[in-house]
């Protein structure tokens, strides 16, 4: 992973997206402009009033509070005390660093700043608090730390300060060089500061090696890896929050995915340009409390079906590499929960198969569409974050979907309010897609099971269809005025032990419901019963896989009825707008 991040840094820096080595974005609260031997104080600024500035940065702790070059807290810049006696010492370190930079970089503007800081006290200094960030510049349009000579000094200075005095082989690039004893800076993952490499057990500190020297990394590789990962975490197009536990604001319960290609790649097709990197992340979309983003997934499916032309083949698009890491932060340590790496050619094949397997009609019979990972998992509820990572492996690498997905979906469907979509229709849609994914991933039936398959002879599937038909008869007989149907009471039992339930349901329908509805529904009941009889009758119990077949049979048949009512094709009992509103609210 670190090696891939080093290469990513080279790509991002070429694109102009990374700061100079040893720099990070900062927002000064105060800016001092030196002009005509006068100092002008500007501020205080808020984050909304001023843009972030790439400025020198390094890792510092309370025991060794090293200064930052040029942009730092007022405690360092002016020696403003913070209820302690260290301010003068911190200011002295700041000035020593500034003098060293001026000498090595031979930059006149740095000497002007040194002269200013040694001169009379700045007017308005009492407004500045010790912890406020202060930047000093000579010209209104440029800060001295933006000069190439100053950037070069800072990189060389950090390298001298942080490396050991002996050589070893860098574990990333393989070069024999002076390795780091301290990493240049930390990164922030989900609100926690973390090191990209750390040790917390004595077993890892063999041969007297401590800190970073037990995992030797050179300054150049460490800086690149940190800069790249920091950029991925900060940039919206390169990360997705895939798991958030509201009861645990930090720690292993929260997980962030970062992803990138080894090279930014775009493909044009029919006057449309596709940003492949952005499209590949769409399968991670969706939330646990919103409907799926079907439009963007449709774009992804369209891209996956585009045949590579000679132009794309010449670019070796199939050989492009896609990287994805799932990260957590635990007590200041970076935890890599998942690491995926694959060629774009294989990714296309696997994503196409995944989306096809999740493609299914909506509960109201709308056009079949695929669903993203977070929507599938959000509908299941009460599952572990391992499920999301398992589905990532399915989508990108081609692994079989985890059994936990099927178990969680079936468990949710036993709740009456869920199977009757009284909460949100998208939840039932997602549960059906999850079941279809697990049952038919990579199988021939993946297309036929997008909607009702009247030719399917599976006993469990037929039992599910029959329950939906009996519910439809009940609804039509009551002119769609019922708030509760037989599904509320009997879905759980019918989906696990059909032989003990359907006898009573059929008797009820025969005497109370079927005589009041059209011959269409009566004929459908007789047809399904006839096929079931040929197949051996009602099963006594259903296995987990058979329960999934039952769920799809029920879902498909009910969606079919709803779609027909929506098109006005039902022979009788078509609901009024008020009745449909009542049914949609169930």
Protein backbone atom coordinates (compact mmCIF):
# COMPACT_ATOMS: atom_id res chain seq x y z
CA UNK A 1 0.00 0.00 0.00
CA UNK A 2 2.78 2.45 0.88
CA UNK A 3 4.51 1.76 -2.42
CA UNK A 4 1.25 2.43 -4.29
CA UNK A 5 0.85 5.69 -2.35
CA UNK A 6 4.35 6.78 -3.33
CA UNK A 7 3.50 6.28 -7.01
CA UNK A 8 0.16 8.02 -6.46
CA UNK A 9 1.99 11.05 -5.05
CA UNK A 10 4.03 11.31 -8.22
CA UNK A 11 0.82 11.27 -10.27
CA UNK A 12 -0.97 13.83 -8.08
CA UNK A 13 2.05 16.13 -8.01
CA UNK A 14 2.29 16.05 -11.81
CA UNK A 15 -1.38 17.04 -11.94
CA UNK A 16 -0.67 19.97 -9.59
CA UNK A 17 -2.78 18.58 -6.74
CA UNK A 18 -0.10 18.08 -4.09
CA UNK A 19 1.75 20.70 -2.07
CA UNK A 20 5.54 20.87 -1.92
CA UNK A 21 7.21 18.24 0.28
CA UNK A 22 6.70 19.01 3.96
CA UNK A 23 3.75 21.36 3.35
CA UNK A 24 0.07 21.06 4.29
CA UNK A 25 -3.02 23.30 3.99
CA UNK A 26 -3.38 25.89 6.75
CA UNK A 27 -5.59 28.90 7.43
CA UNK A 28 -3.87 31.87 9.13
CA UNK A 29 -5.98 33.94 11.49
CA UNK A 30 -3.71 36.95 11.12
CA UNK A 31 -1.61 38.16 8.18
CA UNK A 32 1.14 40.75 8.52
CA UNK A 33 2.22 42.52 5.34
CA UNK A 34 5.57 44.35 5.33
CA UNK A 35 5.63 47.27 2.91
CA UNK A 36 7.82 50.37 2.78
CA UNK A 37 9.36 49.45 6.14
CA UNK A 38 5.92 49.42 7.75
CA UNK A 39 3.90 46.49 9.07
CA UNK A 40 0.18 46.16 8.36
CA UNK A 41 -1.88 43.77 10.47
CA UNK A 42 -4.84 42.07 8.76
CA UNK A 43 -7.44 39.93 10.51
CA UNK A 44 -8.75 38.16 12.38
CA UNK A 45 -9.86 35.88 9.53
CA UNK A 46 -12.31 33.01 9.77
CA UNK A 47 -12.10 29.86 7.60
CA UNK A 48 -14.96 31.25 5.50
CA UNK A 49 -13.13 34.51 4.82
CA UNK A 50 -9.80 33.18 3.60
CA UNK A 51 -8.66 30.22 1.56
CA UNK A 52 -6.30 27.56 2.82
CA UNK A 53 -2.63 28.14 2.13
CA UNK A 54 -0.02 25.42 1.62
CA UNK A 55 2.56 26.15 4.31
CA UNK A 56 5.52 24.35 5.97
CA UNK A 57 4.53 21.69 8.47
CA UNK A 58 6.11 18.93 10.52
CA UNK A 59 5.25 16.60 13.33
CA UNK A 60 5.71 18.10 16.77
CA UNK A 61 4.73 17.04 20.23
CA UNK A 62 4.36 18.68 23.61
CA UNK A 63 7.76 17.37 24.73
CA UNK A 64 9.60 18.68 21.64
CA UNK A 65 7.66 21.68 20.32
CA UNK A 66 9.64 22.37 17.15
CA UNK A 67 8.68 25.50 15.15
CA UNK A 68 7.14 25.71 11.68
CA UNK A 69 8.82 27.91 9.13
CA UNK A 70 7.18 31.34 8.67
CA UNK A 71 3.55 30.39 9.45
CA UNK A 72 3.04 29.38 13.06
CA UNK A 73 1.24 30.20 16.28
CA UNK A 74 1.79 33.67 17.77
CA UNK A 75 3.40 31.93 20.73
CA UNK A 76 6.29 31.05 18.38
CA UNK A 77 6.26 34.08 16.07
CA UNK A 78 6.16 36.80 18.75
CA UNK A 79 6.78 34.90 21.99
CA UNK A 80 3.32 35.76 23.30
CA UNK A 81 3.04 33.77 26.55
CA UNK A 82 0.37 31.12 27.12
CA UNK A 83 0.28 30.98 30.91
CA UNK A 84 3.77 29.48 30.94
CA UNK A 85 7.43 30.41 30.69
CA UNK A 86 8.11 28.62 27.40
CA UNK A 87 7.11 31.44 25.06
CA UNK A 88 10.59 33.01 24.96
CA UNK A 89 12.17 29.61 24.28
CA UNK A 90 9.69 28.85 21.49
CA UNK A 91 10.27 32.27 19.90
CA UNK A 92 14.01 31.71 20.03
CA UNK A 93 13.62 28.38 18.17
CA UNK A 94 11.43 30.09 15.59
CA UNK A 95 14.00 32.82 14.99
CA UNK A 96 16.88 30.32 14.79
CA UNK A 97 15.01 28.37 12.12
CA UNK A 98 14.19 31.55 10.20
CA UNK A 99 17.82 32.67 10.26
CA UNK A 100 18.98 29.26 9.02
CA UNK A 101 16.45 29.42 6.18
CA UNK A 102 17.53 32.91 5.17
CA UNK A 103 21.18 31.86 5.13
CA UNK A 104 20.70 28.68 3.07
CA UNK A 105 18.02 29.96 0.70
CA UNK A 106 19.69 33.36 0.28
CA UNK A 107 16.25 34.94 0.14
CA UNK A 108 16.14 38.73 0.87
CA UNK A 109 12.51 38.65 2.00
CA UNK A 110 13.44 36.37 4.91
CA UNK A 111 16.02 38.90 6.13
CA UNK A 112 13.30 41.58 6.01
CA UNK A 113 11.07 39.44 8.23
CA UNK A 114 13.92 38.81 10.69
CA UNK A 115 14.58 42.56 10.88
CA UNK A 116 10.87 43.21 11.50
CA UNK A 117 10.65 40.65 14.31
CA UNK A 118 13.74 42.11 16.00
CA UNK A 119 12.37 45.64 15.76
CA UNK A 120 9.76 47.57 17.77
CA UNK A 121 6.62 45.81 18.92
CA UNK A 122 3.90 45.49 16.30
CA UNK A 123 0.99 47.89 16.74
CA UNK A 124 -2.15 45.89 17.61
CA UNK A 125 -0.19 42.90 18.91
CA UNK A 126 -2.43 42.78 22.00
CA UNK A 127 -5.30 41.55 19.78
CA UNK A 128 -3.44 38.36 18.90
CA UNK A 129 -3.80 35.32 21.15
CA UNK A 130 -0.96 32.82 21.71
CA UNK A 131 -2.66 30.04 19.75
CA UNK A 132 -3.58 32.15 16.70
CA UNK A 133 -1.83 31.25 13.44
CA UNK A 134 0.19 34.15 12.06
CA UNK A 135 1.66 34.50 8.56
CA UNK A 136 4.09 37.22 7.43
CA UNK A 137 4.60 38.36 3.86
CA UNK A 138 6.55 41.02 2.00
CA UNK A 139 4.26 41.41 -1.00
CA UNK A 140 0.44 41.39 -0.79
CA UNK A 141 0.14 38.64 -3.38
CA UNK A 142 2.76 36.12 -2.22
CA UNK A 143 4.13 34.54 0.93
CA UNK A 144 7.87 33.83 1.24
CA UNK A 145 7.26 30.11 1.89
CA UNK A 146 5.78 29.88 -1.62
CA UNK A 147 9.20 30.59 -3.13
CA UNK A 148 10.98 27.59 -4.66
CA UNK A 149 14.21 28.33 -2.77
CA UNK A 150 12.36 28.29 0.58
CA UNK A 151 10.51 25.09 -0.32
CA UNK A 152 13.80 23.41 -1.18
CA UNK A 153 15.32 24.51 2.13
CA UNK A 154 12.38 23.17 4.14
CA UNK A 155 12.56 19.76 2.47
CA UNK A 156 16.31 19.45 3.05
CA UNK A 157 15.99 20.76 6.61
CA UNK A 158 13.33 18.20 7.54
CA UNK A 159 15.35 15.41 5.96
CA UNK A 160 18.36 16.32 8.14
CA UNK A 161 16.27 16.70 11.27
CA UNK A 162 14.22 13.51 11.02
CA UNK A 163 16.59 10.87 9.69
CA UNK A 164 19.04 8.66 11.56
CA UNK A 165 22.81 8.89 11.33
CA UNK A 166 23.14 5.38 9.89
CA UNK A 167 21.98 3.80 6.66
CA UNK A 168 19.55 0.98 5.93
CA UNK A 169 17.48 -0.26 3.01
CA UNK A 170 14.19 1.61 2.57
CA UNK A 171 11.31 -0.87 2.74
CA UNK A 172 9.47 0.99 -0.03
CA UNK A 173 11.96 2.00 -2.73
CA UNK A 174 14.78 -0.40 -1.81
CA UNK A 175 17.46 2.30 -1.78
CA UNK A 176 20.21 2.21 0.83
CA UNK A 177 20.07 5.55 2.59
CA UNK A 178 19.69 7.28 5.94
CA UNK A 179 16.25 6.19 7.10
CA UNK A 180 13.80 8.11 9.24
CA UNK A 181 13.58 7.92 13.00
CA UNK A 182 10.53 10.22 13.05
CA UNK A 183 7.88 10.56 10.33
CA UNK A 184 7.55 14.04 8.77
CA UNK A 185 3.96 14.52 9.90
CA UNK A 186 0.74 12.74 10.79
CA UNK A 187 -2.44 12.38 8.79
CA UNK A 188 -6.01 12.88 10.04
CA UNK A 189 -8.38 9.93 9.58
CA UNK A 190 -12.00 10.44 10.67
CA UNK A 191 -10.97 13.21 13.05
CA UNK A 192 -8.00 11.38 14.61
CA UNK A 193 -4.34 12.13 14.05
CA UNK A 194 -2.50 8.99 12.92
CA UNK A 195 0.94 7.84 11.83
CA UNK A 196 1.19 5.85 8.59
CA UNK A 197 3.54 3.47 10.43
CA UNK A 198 3.79 2.78 14.15
CA UNK A 199 4.51 0.08 16.73
CA UNK A 200 2.94 -0.46 20.13
CA UNK A 201 4.28 -3.84 21.25
CA UNK A 202 7.76 -4.70 22.50
CA UNK A 203 7.82 -7.73 20.20
CA UNK A 204 8.11 -5.34 17.25
CA UNK A 205 11.08 -3.50 18.73
CA UNK A 206 13.76 -6.15 18.22
CA UNK A 207 17.49 -5.45 17.93
CA UNK A 208 17.06 -2.21 19.82
CA UNK A 209 15.21 -0.52 16.96
CA UNK A 210 12.59 1.99 18.08
CA UNK A 211 10.19 4.46 16.52
CA UNK A 212 10.22 4.22 12.71
CA UNK A 213 13.60 2.56 12.35
CA UNK A 214 12.08 -0.90 12.79
CA UNK A 215 10.16 -0.36 9.52
CA UNK A 216 12.83 1.53 7.59
CA UNK A 217 11.52 4.26 5.28
CA UNK A 218 13.49 7.00 3.63
CA UNK A 219 12.44 10.64 3.88
CA UNK A 220 11.40 10.91 0.24
CA UNK A 221 9.12 7.84 0.32
CA UNK A 222 7.58 8.74 3.67
CA UNK A 223 6.83 12.30 2.53
CA UNK A 224 5.25 11.13 -0.71
CA UNK A 225 3.13 8.45 0.95
CA UNK A 226 1.89 10.87 3.62
CA UNK A 227 1.12 13.61 1.08
CA UNK A 228 -0.76 11.21 -1.20
CA UNK A 229 -2.85 9.66 1.58
CA UNK A 230 -3.60 13.08 3.04
CA UNK A 231 -4.78 14.26 -0.39
CA UNK A 232 -6.98 11.18 -0.88
CA UNK A 233 -8.62 11.68 2.53
CA UNK A 234 -9.23 15.39 1.96
CA UNK A 235 -10.51 15.13 -1.63
CA UNK A 236 -14.17 14.25 -2.03
CA UNK A 237 -13.75 12.42 -5.33
CA UNK A 238 -11.21 10.03 -3.77
CA UNK A 239 -12.96 8.92 -0.59
CA UNK A 240 -16.26 7.60 0.74
CA UNK A 241 -17.37 7.20 4.35
CA UNK A 242 -18.60 3.62 4.26
CA UNK A 243 -19.39 3.02 7.93
CA UNK A 244 -20.22 5.37 10.76
CA UNK A 245 -21.28 4.22 14.20
CA UNK A 246 -23.09 7.17 15.82
CA UNK A 247 -22.42 5.70 19.27
CA UNK A 248 -18.68 5.56 18.62
CA UNK A 249 -17.43 8.86 17.26
CA UNK A 250 -13.95 7.42 16.79
CA UNK A 251 -12.16 4.11 16.68
CA UNK A 252 -12.50 0.91 14.70
CA UNK A 253 -16.28 1.21 14.33
CA UNK A 254 -15.85 4.00 11.76
CA UNK A 255 -14.37 3.25 8.35
CA UNK A 256 -13.31 5.37 5.39
CA UNK A 257 -12.56 4.11 1.88
CA UNK A 258 -9.95 5.86 -0.28
CA UNK A 259 -9.45 4.89 -3.93
CA UNK A 260 -7.53 5.94 -7.02
CA UNK A 261 -6.15 4.83 -10.38
CA UNK A 262 -2.46 4.76 -11.14
CA UNK A 263 -3.19 7.38 -13.80
CA UNK A 264 -6.15 9.68 -14.33
CA UNK A 265 -8.08 8.23 -17.26
CA UNK A 266 -11.00 9.46 -19.32
CA UNK A 267 -12.85 7.70 -22.13
CA UNK A 268 -15.06 9.42 -24.73
CA UNK A 269 -18.01 7.60 -26.25
CA UNK A 270 -20.89 9.05 -28.29
CA UNK A 271 -19.97 12.66 -27.43
CA UNK A 272 -19.77 11.83 -23.73
CA UNK A 273 -16.60 11.81 -21.65
CA UNK A 274 -16.36 9.36 -18.75
CA UNK A 275 -14.04 9.99 -15.81
CA UNK A 276 -13.25 6.35 -15.04
CA UNK A 277 -11.90 7.03 -11.56
CA UNK A 278 -15.10 8.76 -10.52
CA UNK A 279 -17.35 6.12 -12.09
CA UNK A 280 -15.59 3.23 -10.35
CA UNK A 281 -16.51 4.64 -6.96
CA UNK A 282 -20.23 4.88 -7.68
CA UNK A 283 -20.83 1.30 -6.57
CA UNK A 284 -19.95 2.48 -3.05
CA UNK A 285 -22.67 5.12 -3.08
CA UNK A 286 -26.00 5.12 -1.28
CA UNK A 287 -26.75 5.62 2.39
CA UNK A 288 -28.72 3.86 5.06
CA UNK A 289 -31.30 6.64 5.13
CA UNK A 290 -31.81 7.64 1.50
CA UNK A 291 -32.86 6.18 -1.80
CA UNK A 292 -30.18 4.80 -4.15
CA UNK A 293 -28.58 7.03 -6.75
CA UNK A 294 -29.81 5.02 -9.73
CA UNK A 295 -28.98 7.68 -12.32
CA UNK A 296 -25.26 7.58 -11.59
CA UNK A 297 -25.22 3.80 -11.45
CA UNK A 298 -26.89 3.76 -14.84
CA UNK A 299 -23.98 5.85 -16.15
CA UNK A 300 -21.57 3.33 -14.66
CA UNK A 301 -23.39 0.43 -16.32
CA UNK A 302 -23.31 2.29 -19.63
CA UNK A 303 -19.57 2.79 -19.31
CA UNK A 304 -18.98 -0.86 -18.39
CA UNK A 305 -20.81 -1.96 -21.54
CA UNK A 306 -18.77 0.28 -23.84
CA UNK A 307 -16.39 -1.80 -25.99
CA UNK A 308 -12.81 -0.55 -25.98
CA UNK A 309 -11.94 0.95 -29.37
CA UNK A 310 -8.50 0.81 -30.97
CA UNK A 311 -7.79 4.21 -29.38
CA UNK A 312 -8.51 2.95 -25.85
CA UNK A 313 -6.68 -0.31 -26.52
CA UNK A 314 -3.61 1.67 -27.53
CA UNK A 315 -3.72 3.41 -24.15
CA UNK A 316 -3.61 -0.02 -22.44
CA UNK A 317 -6.68 0.84 -20.38
CA UNK A 318 -7.15 -2.76 -19.31
CA UNK A 319 -3.72 -2.58 -17.66
CA UNK A 320 -4.51 0.50 -15.59
CA UNK A 321 -4.47 -0.37 -11.90
CA UNK A 322 -7.20 0.51 -9.42
CA UNK A 323 -6.42 0.77 -5.71
CA UNK A 324 -8.80 0.87 -2.74
CA UNK A 325 -8.05 0.95 0.97
CA UNK A 326 -10.48 0.95 3.89
CA UNK A 327 -9.09 2.87 6.85
CA UNK A 328 -9.93 3.31 10.52
CA UNK A 329 -8.20 5.22 13.29
CA UNK A 330 -7.61 3.68 16.70
CA UNK A 331 -5.94 5.66 19.48
CA UNK A 332 -3.68 7.55 17.13
CA UNK A 333 -2.81 4.56 14.97
CA UNK A 334 -3.81 4.02 11.36
CA UNK A 335 -5.63 0.72 10.79
CA UNK A 336 -5.90 -0.66 7.26
CA UNK A 337 -9.07 -2.77 7.27
CA UNK A 338 -8.99 -3.70 3.59
CA UNK A 339 -6.58 -3.37 0.69
CA UNK A 340 -7.73 -4.10 -2.87
CA UNK A 341 -5.68 -3.83 -6.04
CA UNK A 342 -6.74 -4.95 -9.51
CA UNK A 343 -6.35 -4.16 -13.21
CA UNK A 344 -9.05 -2.09 -14.84
CA UNK A 345 -9.90 -4.88 -17.29
CA UNK A 346 -10.75 -7.25 -14.43
CA UNK A 347 -12.56 -4.47 -12.52
CA UNK A 348 -14.85 -3.86 -15.50
CA UNK A 349 -15.78 -7.54 -15.69
CA UNK A 350 -16.41 -7.85 -11.95
CA UNK A 351 -18.41 -4.63 -11.64
CA UNK A 352 -20.57 -5.58 -14.60
CA UNK A 353 -21.33 -8.92 -12.97
CA UNK A 354 -22.04 -7.31 -9.59
CA UNK A 355 -24.41 -4.66 -10.94
CA UNK A 356 -26.23 -7.21 -13.06
CA UNK A 357 -26.72 -9.37 -9.98
CA UNK A 358 -28.26 -6.50 -7.97
CA UNK A 359 -30.50 -5.34 -10.83
CA UNK A 360 -34.16 -5.93 -9.95
CA UNK A 361 -37.53 -4.22 -10.39
CA UNK A 362 -38.79 -1.88 -7.69
CA UNK A 363 -41.63 -2.92 -5.34
CA UNK A 364 -43.99 -0.99 -7.66
CA UNK A 365 -42.77 -2.72 -10.80
CA UNK A 366 -40.59 0.08 -12.15
CA UNK A 367 -37.79 -0.65 -14.62
CA UNK A 368 -35.11 -2.95 -13.10
CA UNK A 369 -32.06 -1.06 -11.84
CA UNK A 370 -28.92 -1.98 -9.90
CA UNK A 371 -28.23 -0.83 -6.36
CA UNK A 372 -24.95 0.28 -4.72
CA UNK A 373 -23.25 -1.40 -1.78
CA UNK A 374 -24.17 1.04 0.99
CA UNK A 375 -27.85 0.87 0.05
CA UNK A 376 -27.80 -2.93 0.24
CA UNK A 377 -26.14 -2.89 3.64
CA UNK A 378 -28.21 0.04 4.93
CA UNK A 379 -31.42 -1.89 4.30
CA UNK A 380 -30.14 -4.91 6.24
CA UNK A 381 -29.42 -2.97 9.47
CA UNK A 382 -27.72 -4.40 12.51
CA UNK A 383 -24.88 -5.93 10.48
CA UNK A 384 -21.15 -5.56 10.98
CA UNK A 385 -18.91 -3.37 8.79
CA UNK A 386 -17.30 -6.61 7.61
CA UNK A 387 -20.32 -7.02 5.31
CA UNK A 388 -19.51 -3.85 3.38
CA UNK A 389 -15.92 -4.93 2.91
CA UNK A 390 -17.07 -8.37 1.78
CA UNK A 391 -19.30 -6.76 -0.84
CA UNK A 392 -16.40 -4.59 -1.98
CA UNK A 393 -14.42 -7.74 -2.65
CA UNK A 394 -17.37 -9.06 -4.64
CA UNK A 395 -17.79 -5.88 -6.68
CA UNK A 396 -14.13 -5.20 -7.47
CA UNK A 397 -12.32 -8.53 -7.15
CA UNK A 398 -15.08 -10.99 -8.05
CA UNK A 399 -15.35 -12.93 -4.77
CA UNK A 400 -18.64 -14.68 -3.94
CA UNK A 401 -21.06 -12.46 -1.95
CA UNK A 402 -20.88 -13.16 1.81
CA UNK A 403 -23.56 -15.38 3.37
CA UNK A 404 -24.10 -12.74 6.02
CA UNK A 405 -25.87 -10.63 3.38
CA UNK A 406 -28.53 -13.28 2.79
CA UNK A 407 -28.99 -13.98 6.49
CA UNK A 408 -29.44 -10.29 7.31
CA UNK A 409 -31.88 -9.69 4.43
CA UNK A 410 -34.08 -12.66 5.38
CA UNK A 411 -34.06 -11.58 9.01
CA UNK A 412 -35.31 -8.11 8.07
CA UNK A 413 -38.07 -9.51 5.84
CA UNK A 414 -39.63 -11.30 8.82
CA UNK A 415 -40.56 -7.87 10.22
CA UNK A 416 -44.10 -7.03 8.99
CA UNK A 417 -43.45 -3.31 8.56
CA UNK A 418 -40.47 -4.09 6.33
CA UNK A 419 -42.03 -6.72 4.08
CA UNK A 420 -45.05 -4.42 3.66
CA UNK A 421 -42.69 -1.47 2.93
CA UNK A 422 -44.42 0.72 5.49
CA UNK A 423 -41.17 2.56 6.29
CA UNK A 424 -39.46 3.25 2.98
CA UNK A 425 -40.01 1.46 -0.30
CA UNK A 426 -36.27 1.54 -1.07
CA UNK A 427 -35.55 -0.76 1.87
CA UNK A 428 -37.65 -3.60 0.46
CA UNK A 429 -36.12 -2.98 -2.97
CA UNK A 430 -32.61 -3.22 -1.50
CA UNK A 431 -33.40 -6.40 0.44
CA UNK A 432 -34.71 -8.08 -2.69
CA UNK A 433 -31.58 -6.99 -4.59
CA UNK A 434 -29.38 -8.37 -1.81
CA UNK A 435 -31.15 -11.74 -1.97
CA UNK A 436 -30.87 -11.87 -5.76
CA UNK A 437 -27.16 -11.01 -5.54
CA UNK A 438 -26.39 -13.88 -3.20
CA UNK A 439 -28.58 -16.44 -4.95
CA UNK A 440 -27.68 -15.77 -8.57
CA UNK A 441 -24.27 -14.03 -8.63
CA UNK A 442 -22.46 -15.30 -11.71
CA UNK A 443 -25.34 -17.62 -12.72
CA UNK A 444 -27.47 -17.78 -15.86
CA UNK A 445 -30.68 -16.85 -14.00
CA UNK A 446 -29.29 -13.42 -13.11
CA UNK A 447 -31.23 -11.78 -15.97
CA UNK A 448 -34.49 -13.72 -15.78
CA UNK A 449 -34.74 -13.04 -12.04
CA UNK A 450 -34.81 -9.27 -12.50
CA UNK A 451 -38.59 -9.57 -12.50
CA UNK A 452 -41.36 -12.16 -12.35
CA UNK A 453 -40.43 -15.45 -14.03
CA UNK A 454 -43.71 -17.33 -14.62
CA UNK A 455 -41.76 -20.32 -15.99
CA UNK A 456 -39.78 -20.93 -12.80
CA UNK A 457 -40.85 -24.26 -11.21
CA UNK A 458 -38.97 -23.92 -7.94
CA UNK A 459 -41.33 -24.91 -5.09
CA UNK A 460 -40.22 -22.15 -2.71
CA UNK A 461 -40.47 -19.53 -5.45
CA UNK A 462 -44.01 -20.73 -6.27
CA UNK A 463 -45.01 -20.58 -2.59
CA UNK A 464 -43.85 -16.96 -2.43
CA UNK A 465 -45.82 -16.13 -5.56
CA UNK A 466 -48.91 -17.81 -4.11
CA UNK A 467 -48.76 -15.70 -0.94
CA UNK A 468 -48.62 -12.54 -3.07
CA UNK A 469 -51.61 -13.73 -5.14
CA UNK A 470 -53.67 -14.48 -2.01
CA UNK A 471 -52.80 -11.04 -0.62
CA UNK A 472 -53.88 -9.46 -3.91
CA UNK A 473 -57.21 -11.29 -3.72
CA UNK A 474 -57.71 -10.01 -0.18
CA UNK A 475 -56.90 -6.44 -1.23
CA UNK A 476 -59.19 -6.49 -4.25
CA UNK A 477 -62.04 -8.05 -2.28
CA UNK A 478 -61.81 -5.16 0.22
CA UNK A 479 -61.44 -2.53 -2.50
CA UNK A 480 -57.88 -1.84 -1.20
CA UNK A 481 -59.15 -0.42 2.10
CA UNK A 482 -57.25 -2.80 4.40
CA UNK A 483 -54.43 -1.50 6.57
CA UNK A 484 -53.24 -5.02 7.40
CA UNK A 485 -53.25 -8.11 5.21
CA UNK A 486 -52.51 -11.81 5.61
CA UNK A 487 -48.86 -10.99 4.91
CA UNK A 488 -48.58 -9.13 8.23
CA UNK A 489 -49.57 -12.22 10.17
CA UNK A 490 -48.32 -15.11 8.09
CA UNK A 491 -45.26 -14.09 6.03
CA UNK A 492 -42.73 -15.39 8.56
CA UNK A 493 -44.47 -18.75 9.01
CA UNK A 494 -45.26 -19.18 5.32
CA UNK A 495 -41.64 -18.49 4.33
CA UNK A 496 -40.27 -21.16 6.69
CA UNK A 497 -42.99 -23.86 6.95
CA UNK A 498 -45.39 -23.55 3.96
CA UNK A 499 -47.19 -26.86 4.46
CA UNK A 500 -48.48 -25.77 7.89
CA UNK A 501 -49.75 -22.37 6.75
CA UNK A 502 -51.08 -22.43 3.20
CA UNK A 503 -53.95 -24.84 3.86
CA UNK A 504 -55.67 -22.33 6.11
CA UNK A 505 -54.82 -19.36 3.85
CA UNK A 506 -56.27 -21.08 0.76
CA UNK A 507 -59.44 -22.00 2.65
CA UNK A 508 -59.85 -18.40 3.80
CA UNK A 509 -59.30 -17.04 0.31
CA UNK A 510 -61.71 -19.56 -1.26
CA UNK A 511 -64.58 -18.58 1.03
CA UNK A 512 -63.95 -14.87 1.67
CA UNK A 513 -61.84 -13.34 -1.11
CA UNK A 514 -61.65 -15.22 -4.41
CA UNK A 515 -65.42 -15.18 -5.10
CA UNK A 516 -65.27 -11.35 -5.07
CA UNK A 517 -62.39 -10.88 -7.53
CA UNK A 518 -61.83 -11.38 -11.24
CA UNK A 519 -61.22 -14.78 -12.85
CA UNK A 520 -57.63 -13.64 -13.50
CA UNK A 521 -56.68 -13.99 -9.84
CA UNK A 522 -58.68 -17.19 -9.37
CA UNK A 523 -56.98 -18.72 -12.41
CA UNK A 524 -53.53 -17.72 -11.12
CA UNK A 525 -54.17 -19.47 -7.80
CA UNK A 526 -55.25 -22.63 -9.61
CA UNK A 527 -52.24 -22.48 -11.96
CA UNK A 528 -49.70 -22.16 -9.13
CA UNK A 529 -51.38 -24.91 -7.09
CA UNK A 530 -51.31 -27.22 -10.12
CA UNK A 531 -47.59 -26.69 -10.69
CA UNK A 532 -46.87 -27.12 -6.98
CA UNK A 533 -48.83 -30.38 -6.98
CA UNK A 534 -46.73 -31.70 -9.88
CA UNK A 535 -43.56 -30.70 -8.00
CA UNK A 536 -44.57 -32.60 -4.86
CA UNK A 537 -46.85 -30.18 -3.02
CA UNK A 538 -46.03 -27.70 -0.27
CA UNK A 539 -42.63 -28.25 1.40
CA UNK A 540 -42.79 -28.91 5.13
CA UNK A 541 -39.86 -26.59 5.85
CA UNK A 542 -37.63 -24.34 3.78
CA UNK A 543 -33.85 -24.01 4.01
CA UNK A 544 -32.22 -20.61 4.08
CA UNK A 545 -31.67 -20.67 0.32
CA UNK A 546 -35.28 -21.76 -0.22
CA UNK A 547 -36.50 -18.95 2.04
CA UNK A 548 -34.63 -16.59 -0.29
CA UNK A 549 -36.41 -18.11 -3.30
CA UNK A 550 -39.73 -17.65 -1.45
CA UNK A 551 -38.90 -13.98 -0.82
CA UNK A 552 -38.13 -13.33 -4.48
CA UNK A 553 -41.28 -15.15 -5.64
CA UNK A 554 -43.40 -13.01 -3.30
CA UNK A 555 -41.58 -9.79 -4.25
CA UNK A 556 -41.77 -10.42 -8.01
CA UNK A 557 -45.45 -11.36 -8.02
CA UNK A 558 -46.54 -8.42 -5.90
CA UNK A 559 -44.47 -6.00 -7.98
CA UNK A 560 -46.15 -7.43 -11.07
CA UNK A 561 -49.63 -6.75 -9.65
CA UNK A 562 -48.69 -3.23 -8.63
CA UNK A 563 -47.22 -2.48 -12.04
CA UNK A 564 -50.40 -3.71 -13.74
CA UNK A 565 -52.55 -1.53 -11.51
CA UNK A 566 -50.31 1.41 -12.26
CA UNK A 567 -50.82 0.86 -16.00
CA UNK A 568 -54.57 0.49 -15.59
CA UNK A 569 -54.54 -3.11 -16.86
CA UNK A 570 -56.20 -4.82 -13.93
CA UNK A 571 -59.57 -6.19 -14.92
CA UNK A 572 -61.16 -5.16 -11.67
CA UNK A 573 -60.42 -3.54 -8.37
CA UNK A 574 -58.13 -0.79 -9.69
CA UNK A 575 -57.49 1.53 -6.73
CA UNK A 576 -58.45 5.19 -6.72
CA UNK A 577 -55.68 7.79 -6.11
CA UNK A 578 -56.75 7.91 -2.45
CA UNK A 579 -56.60 4.13 -2.15
CA UNK A 580 -53.18 3.99 -3.81
CA UNK A 581 -51.92 6.62 -1.38
CA UNK A 582 -53.16 4.45 1.49
CA UNK A 583 -51.46 1.38 0.06
CA UNK A 584 -48.18 3.24 -0.60
CA UNK A 585 -48.19 4.37 3.01
CA UNK A 586 -48.34 0.83 4.31
